[in-house]
Amino acid sequence: MSHIFKTTLVLGFAVGVLAAGCTKKSEPKDPPPPPFQRNEASLAGMVKQERTKIQNDFENLKRYFATWDIDRGKPPASWEEFKPYIVRDGPASLVSGIENGRYVVVWKAKPSSKNVLAYEKQPDVNGKQIVLFGDRIETIDSEELKKALQGQK
């Protein structure tokens, strides 16, 4: 092997080793973006979506109540009695809302325009609750709900 070839080989190897050791250190990555910040409009949209879901659940409950009352001549007396009737076709959100206490059902209430059949257990930040009467769904304040429940037959 020639002296020039050996020198070139050694120098090439040395440059390779040095180059590998002198690689540019990786820059610190940019910090992750902040968690999604909700603005007032997106929060209002979420509230509206949630209210719509509750109203849909109550619309379904109103139909089940009316059908039960027509079929049996009386309103349902308890969740244990009513559950098998709605579980097969009812929306899961309605069933879980009743089971976890989010929705309060007034058992034995006869479907009528004056009677409360169900309501949201927790009022919203403005003291309003979605209430199912026998013929409609309304959003009323907690005091109105108390009066409606007291005047119920």
C-alpha atoms as a PDB file:
ATOM      1  CA  MET A   1       0.000   0.000   0.000  1.00  0.00           C
ATOM      2  CA  SER A   2       1.366   3.372  -0.845  1.00  0.00           C
ATOM      3  CA  HIS A   3       2.169   5.911   1.763  1.00  0.00           C
ATOM      4  CA  ILE A   4      -0.252   8.447   0.199  1.00  0.00           C
ATOM      5  CA  PHE A   5      -3.059   5.919   0.138  1.00  0.00           C
ATOM      6  CA  LYS A   6      -2.500   5.020   3.812  1.00  0.00           C
ATOM      7  CA  THR A   7      -2.428   8.683   4.801  1.00  0.00           C
ATOM      8  CA  THR A   8      -5.594   9.373   2.838  1.00  0.00           C
ATOM      9  CA  LEU A   9      -7.275   6.382   4.416  1.00  0.00           C
ATOM     10  CA  VAL A  10      -6.256   7.426   7.963  1.00  0.00           C
ATOM     11  CA  LEU A  11      -7.260  11.036   7.340  1.00  0.00           C
ATOM     12  CA  GLY A  12     -10.588   9.964   5.877  1.00  0.00           C
ATOM     13  CA  PHE A  13     -11.239   7.777   8.895  1.00  0.00           C
ATOM     14  CA  ALA A  14     -10.267  10.584  11.304  1.00  0.00           C
ATOM     15  CA  VAL A  15     -12.498  13.091   9.516  1.00  0.00           C
ATOM     16  CA  GLY A  16     -15.386  10.614   9.681  1.00  0.00           C
ATOM     17  CA  VAL A  17     -14.900  10.053  13.424  1.00  0.00           C
ATOM     18  CA  LEU A  18     -14.592  13.771  14.103  1.00  0.00           C
ATOM     19  CA  ALA A  19     -17.576  14.564  11.929  1.00  0.00           C
ATOM     20  CA  ALA A  20     -19.667  12.025  13.788  1.00  0.00           C
ATOM     21  CA  GLY A  21     -18.670  13.526  17.127  1.00  0.00           C
ATOM     22  CA  CYS A  22     -19.238  17.075  15.927  1.00  0.00           C
ATOM     23  CA  THR A  23     -22.711  16.643  14.597  1.00  0.00           C
ATOM     24  CA  LYS A  24     -24.958  19.519  15.362  1.00  0.00           C
ATOM     25  CA  LYS A  25     -26.736  19.044  18.623  1.00  0.00           C
ATOM     26  CA  SER A  26     -30.454  18.906  18.173  1.00  0.00           C
ATOM     27  CA  GLU A  27     -32.156  22.152  18.993  1.00  0.00           C
ATOM     28  CA  PRO A  28     -34.642  21.970  21.820  1.00  0.00           C
ATOM     29  CA  LYS A  29     -38.036  21.311  20.352  1.00  0.00           C
ATOM     30  CA  ASP A  30     -40.626  24.010  20.425  1.00  0.00           C
ATOM     31  CA  PRO A  31     -42.787  23.736  23.532  1.00  0.00           C
ATOM     32  CA  PRO A  32     -46.042  21.945  22.929  1.00  0.00           C
ATOM     33  CA  PRO A  33     -48.935  24.191  22.048  1.00  0.00           C
ATOM     34  CA  PRO A  34     -51.060  25.249  25.002  1.00  0.00           C
ATOM     35  CA  PRO A  35     -54.133  23.156  25.702  1.00  0.00           C
ATOM     36  CA  PHE A  36     -57.134  24.145  23.674  1.00  0.00           C
ATOM     37  CA  GLN A  37     -58.498  27.349  25.093  1.00  0.00           C
ATOM     38  CA  ARG A  38     -62.248  27.683  24.951  1.00  0.00           C
ATOM     39  CA  ASN A  39     -63.623  31.068  24.179  1.00  0.00           C
ATOM     40  CA  GLU A  40     -67.052  32.323  25.108  1.00  0.00           C
ATOM     41  CA  ALA A  41     -68.561  31.316  21.770  1.00  0.00           C
ATOM     42  CA  SER A  42     -67.307  27.715  21.984  1.00  0.00           C
ATOM     43  CA  LEU A  43     -68.527  27.412  25.584  1.00  0.00           C
ATOM     44  CA  ALA A  44     -71.935  28.730  24.553  1.00  0.00           C
ATOM     45  CA  GLY A  45     -71.983  26.132  21.761  1.00  0.00           C
ATOM     46  CA  MET A  46     -71.212  23.349  24.230  1.00  0.00           C
ATOM     47  CA  VAL A  47     -74.006  24.516  26.544  1.00  0.00           C
ATOM     48  CA  LYS A  48     -76.454  24.668  23.646  1.00  0.00           C
ATOM     49  CA  GLN A  49     -75.429  21.176  22.509  1.00  0.00           C
ATOM     50  CA  GLU A  50     -75.885  19.792  26.035  1.00  0.00           C
ATOM     51  CA  ARG A  51     -79.287  21.462  26.419  1.00  0.00           C
ATOM     52  CA  THR A  52     -80.373  20.028  23.081  1.00  0.00           C
ATOM     53  CA  LYS A  53     -79.359  16.537  24.247  1.00  0.00           C
ATOM     54  CA  ILE A  54     -81.384  16.912  27.450  1.00  0.00           C
ATOM     55  CA  GLN A  55     -84.389  18.218  25.527  1.00  0.00           C
ATOM     56  CA  ASN A  56     -84.156  15.246  23.152  1.00  0.00           C
ATOM     57  CA  ASP A  57     -83.992  12.857  26.120  1.00  0.00           C
ATOM     58  CA  PHE A  58     -87.057  14.520  27.634  1.00  0.00           C
ATOM     59  CA  GLU A  59     -88.908  14.387  24.309  1.00  0.00           C
ATOM     60  CA  ASN A  60     -88.303  10.621  24.272  1.00  0.00           C
ATOM     61  CA  LEU A  61     -89.314  10.307  27.915  1.00  0.00           C
ATOM     62  CA  LYS A  62     -92.545  12.189  27.198  1.00  0.00           C
ATOM     63  CA  ARG A  63     -93.416   9.667  24.454  1.00  0.00           C
ATOM     64  CA  TYR A  64     -92.621   6.694  26.714  1.00  0.00           C
ATOM     65  CA  PHE A  65     -94.682   8.162  29.551  1.00  0.00           C
ATOM     66  CA  ALA A  66     -97.666   8.804  27.272  1.00  0.00           C
ATOM     67  CA  THR A  67     -97.503   5.356  25.674  1.00  0.00           C
ATOM     68  CA  TRP A  68     -97.167   3.670  29.074  1.00  0.00           C
ATOM     69  CA  ASP A  69    -100.133   5.646  30.396  1.00  0.00           C
ATOM     70  CA  ILE A  70    -102.281   4.735  27.371  1.00  0.00           C
ATOM     71  CA  ASP A  71    -101.270   1.043  27.428  1.00  0.00           C
ATOM     72  CA  ARG A  72    -101.708   0.530  31.172  1.00  0.00           C
ATOM     73  CA  GLY A  73    -104.187   3.243  32.129  1.00  0.00           C
ATOM     74  CA  LYS A  74    -101.840   4.729  34.723  1.00  0.00           C
ATOM     75  CA  PRO A  75     -98.407   6.367  34.817  1.00  0.00           C
ATOM     76  CA  PRO A  76     -95.307   4.376  35.781  1.00  0.00           C
ATOM     77  CA  ALA A  77     -94.865   4.024  39.528  1.00  0.00           C
ATOM     78  CA  SER A  78     -91.101   3.437  39.738  1.00  0.00           C
ATOM     79  CA  TRP A  79     -87.875   3.131  37.786  1.00  0.00           C
ATOM     80  CA  GLU A  80     -87.805  -0.620  38.374  1.00  0.00           C
ATOM     81  CA  GLU A  81     -91.208  -0.911  36.727  1.00  0.00           C
ATOM     82  CA  PHE A  82     -90.465   1.532  33.878  1.00  0.00           C
ATOM     83  CA  LYS A  83     -86.854   0.614  33.054  1.00  0.00           C
ATOM     84  CA  PRO A  84     -87.546  -2.584  31.051  1.00  0.00           C
ATOM     85  CA  TYR A  85     -90.044  -0.609  28.999  1.00  0.00           C
ATOM     86  CA  ILE A  86     -87.554   2.007  27.804  1.00  0.00           C
ATOM     87  CA  VAL A  87     -84.212   0.190  27.921  1.00  0.00           C
ATOM     88  CA  ARG A  88     -84.832  -1.825  24.752  1.00  0.00           C
ATOM     89  CA  ASP A  89     -85.458   1.204  22.495  1.00  0.00           C
ATOM     90  CA  GLY A  90     -84.651   4.264  24.591  1.00  0.00           C
ATOM     91  CA  PRO A  91     -81.512   6.315  24.094  1.00  0.00           C
ATOM     92  CA  ALA A  92     -78.629   5.364  26.387  1.00  0.00           C
ATOM     93  CA  SER A  93     -78.288   8.980  27.519  1.00  0.00           C
ATOM     94  CA  LEU A  94     -81.870   8.943  28.823  1.00  0.00           C
ATOM     95  CA  VAL A  95     -81.421   5.658  30.680  1.00  0.00           C
ATOM     96  CA  SER A  96     -78.093   6.727  32.225  1.00  0.00           C
ATOM     97  CA  GLY A  97     -79.493  10.179  33.050  1.00  0.00           C
ATOM     98  CA  ILE A  98     -82.253   8.576  35.103  1.00  0.00           C
ATOM     99  CA  GLU A  99     -80.006   5.942  36.673  1.00  0.00           C
ATOM    100  CA  ASN A 100     -77.262   8.342  37.721  1.00  0.00           C
ATOM    101  CA  GLY A 101     -79.733  10.897  39.078  1.00  0.00           C
ATOM    102  CA  ARG A 102     -79.056  13.616  36.544  1.00  0.00           C
ATOM    103  CA  TYR A 103     -82.741  13.527  35.624  1.00  0.00           C
ATOM    104  CA  VAL A 104     -85.373  13.385  38.335  1.00  0.00           C
ATOM    105  CA  VAL A 105     -88.520  11.548  37.276  1.00  0.00           C
ATOM    106  CA  VAL A 106     -91.743  12.232  39.152  1.00  0.00           C
ATOM    107  CA  TRP A 107     -93.180   8.734  39.371  1.00  0.00           C
ATOM    108  CA  LYS A 108     -96.955   8.310  39.307  1.00  0.00           C
ATOM    109  CA  ALA A 109     -97.378  11.759  37.703  1.00  0.00           C
ATOM    110  CA  LYS A 110    -100.232  11.737  35.215  1.00  0.00           C
ATOM    111  CA  PRO A 111     -99.146  13.255  31.877  1.00  0.00           C
ATOM    112  CA  SER A 112    -100.903  16.642  31.662  1.00  0.00           C
ATOM    113  CA  SER A 113    -100.038  20.243  30.901  1.00  0.00           C
ATOM    114  CA  LYS A 114     -99.888  21.074  34.615  1.00  0.00           C
ATOM    115  CA  ASN A 115     -97.867  18.088  35.828  1.00  0.00           C
ATOM    116  CA  VAL A 116     -94.081  17.870  35.918  1.00  0.00           C
ATOM    117  CA  LEU A 117     -92.961  14.453  34.692  1.00  0.00           C
ATOM    118  CA  ALA A 118     -89.202  15.019  34.978  1.00  0.00           C
ATOM    119  CA  TYR A 119     -86.575  17.713  35.392  1.00  0.00           C
ATOM    120  CA  GLU A 120     -82.855  18.308  35.411  1.00  0.00           C
ATOM    121  CA  LYS A 121     -81.586  17.790  38.941  1.00  0.00           C
ATOM    122  CA  GLN A 122     -78.955  20.539  38.829  1.00  0.00           C
ATOM    123  CA  PRO A 123     -79.890  24.061  37.743  1.00  0.00           C
ATOM    124  CA  ASP A 124     -77.501  25.845  35.397  1.00  0.00           C
ATOM    125  CA  VAL A 125     -75.391  28.835  36.452  1.00  0.00           C
ATOM    126  CA  ASN A 126     -78.428  31.082  35.960  1.00  0.00           C
ATOM    127  CA  GLY A 127     -80.654  28.930  38.206  1.00  0.00           C
ATOM    128  CA  LYS A 128     -82.598  27.480  35.253  1.00  0.00           C
ATOM    129  CA  GLN A 129     -83.606  23.863  34.780  1.00  0.00           C
ATOM    130  CA  ILE A 130     -85.065  21.965  31.856  1.00  0.00           C
ATOM    131  CA  VAL A 131     -88.453  20.598  32.888  1.00  0.00           C
ATOM    132  CA  LEU A 132     -90.692  18.049  31.179  1.00  0.00           C
ATOM    133  CA  PHE A 133     -94.396  18.682  31.605  1.00  0.00           C
ATOM    134  CA  GLY A 134     -96.953  16.257  30.199  1.00  0.00           C
ATOM    135  CA  ASP A 135     -97.320  18.282  26.999  1.00  0.00           C
ATOM    136  CA  ARG A 136     -94.128  20.346  26.650  1.00  0.00           C
ATOM    137  CA  ILE A 137     -90.536  20.955  27.642  1.00  0.00           C
ATOM    138  CA  GLU A 138     -89.601  24.269  29.237  1.00  0.00           C
ATOM    139  CA  THR A 139     -86.573  25.882  30.780  1.00  0.00           C
ATOM    140  CA  ILE A 140     -87.679  27.556  33.987  1.00  0.00           C
ATOM    141  CA  ASP A 141     -85.997  28.855  37.119  1.00  0.00           C
ATOM    142  CA  SER A 142     -85.738  26.727  40.238  1.00  0.00           C
ATOM    143  CA  GLU A 143     -88.409  28.684  42.115  1.00  0.00           C
ATOM    144  CA  GLU A 144     -90.941  28.130  39.311  1.00  0.00           C
ATOM    145  CA  LEU A 145     -90.110  24.424  39.391  1.00  0.00           C
ATOM    146  CA  LYS A 146     -90.717  24.242  43.146  1.00  0.00           C
ATOM    147  CA  LYS A 147     -94.109  25.911  42.711  1.00  0.00           C
ATOM    148  CA  ALA A 148     -95.048  23.580  39.846  1.00  0.00           C
ATOM    149  CA  LEU A 149     -94.122  20.525  41.927  1.00  0.00           C
ATOM    150  CA  GLN A 150     -96.072  21.782  44.958  1.00  0.00           C
ATOM    151  CA  GLY A 151     -99.204  22.439  42.888  1.00  0.00           C
ATOM    152  CA  GLN A 152     -99.106  19.012  41.282  1.00  0.00           C
ATOM    153  CA  LYS A 153    -101.988  16.574  41.770  1.00  0.00           C
END
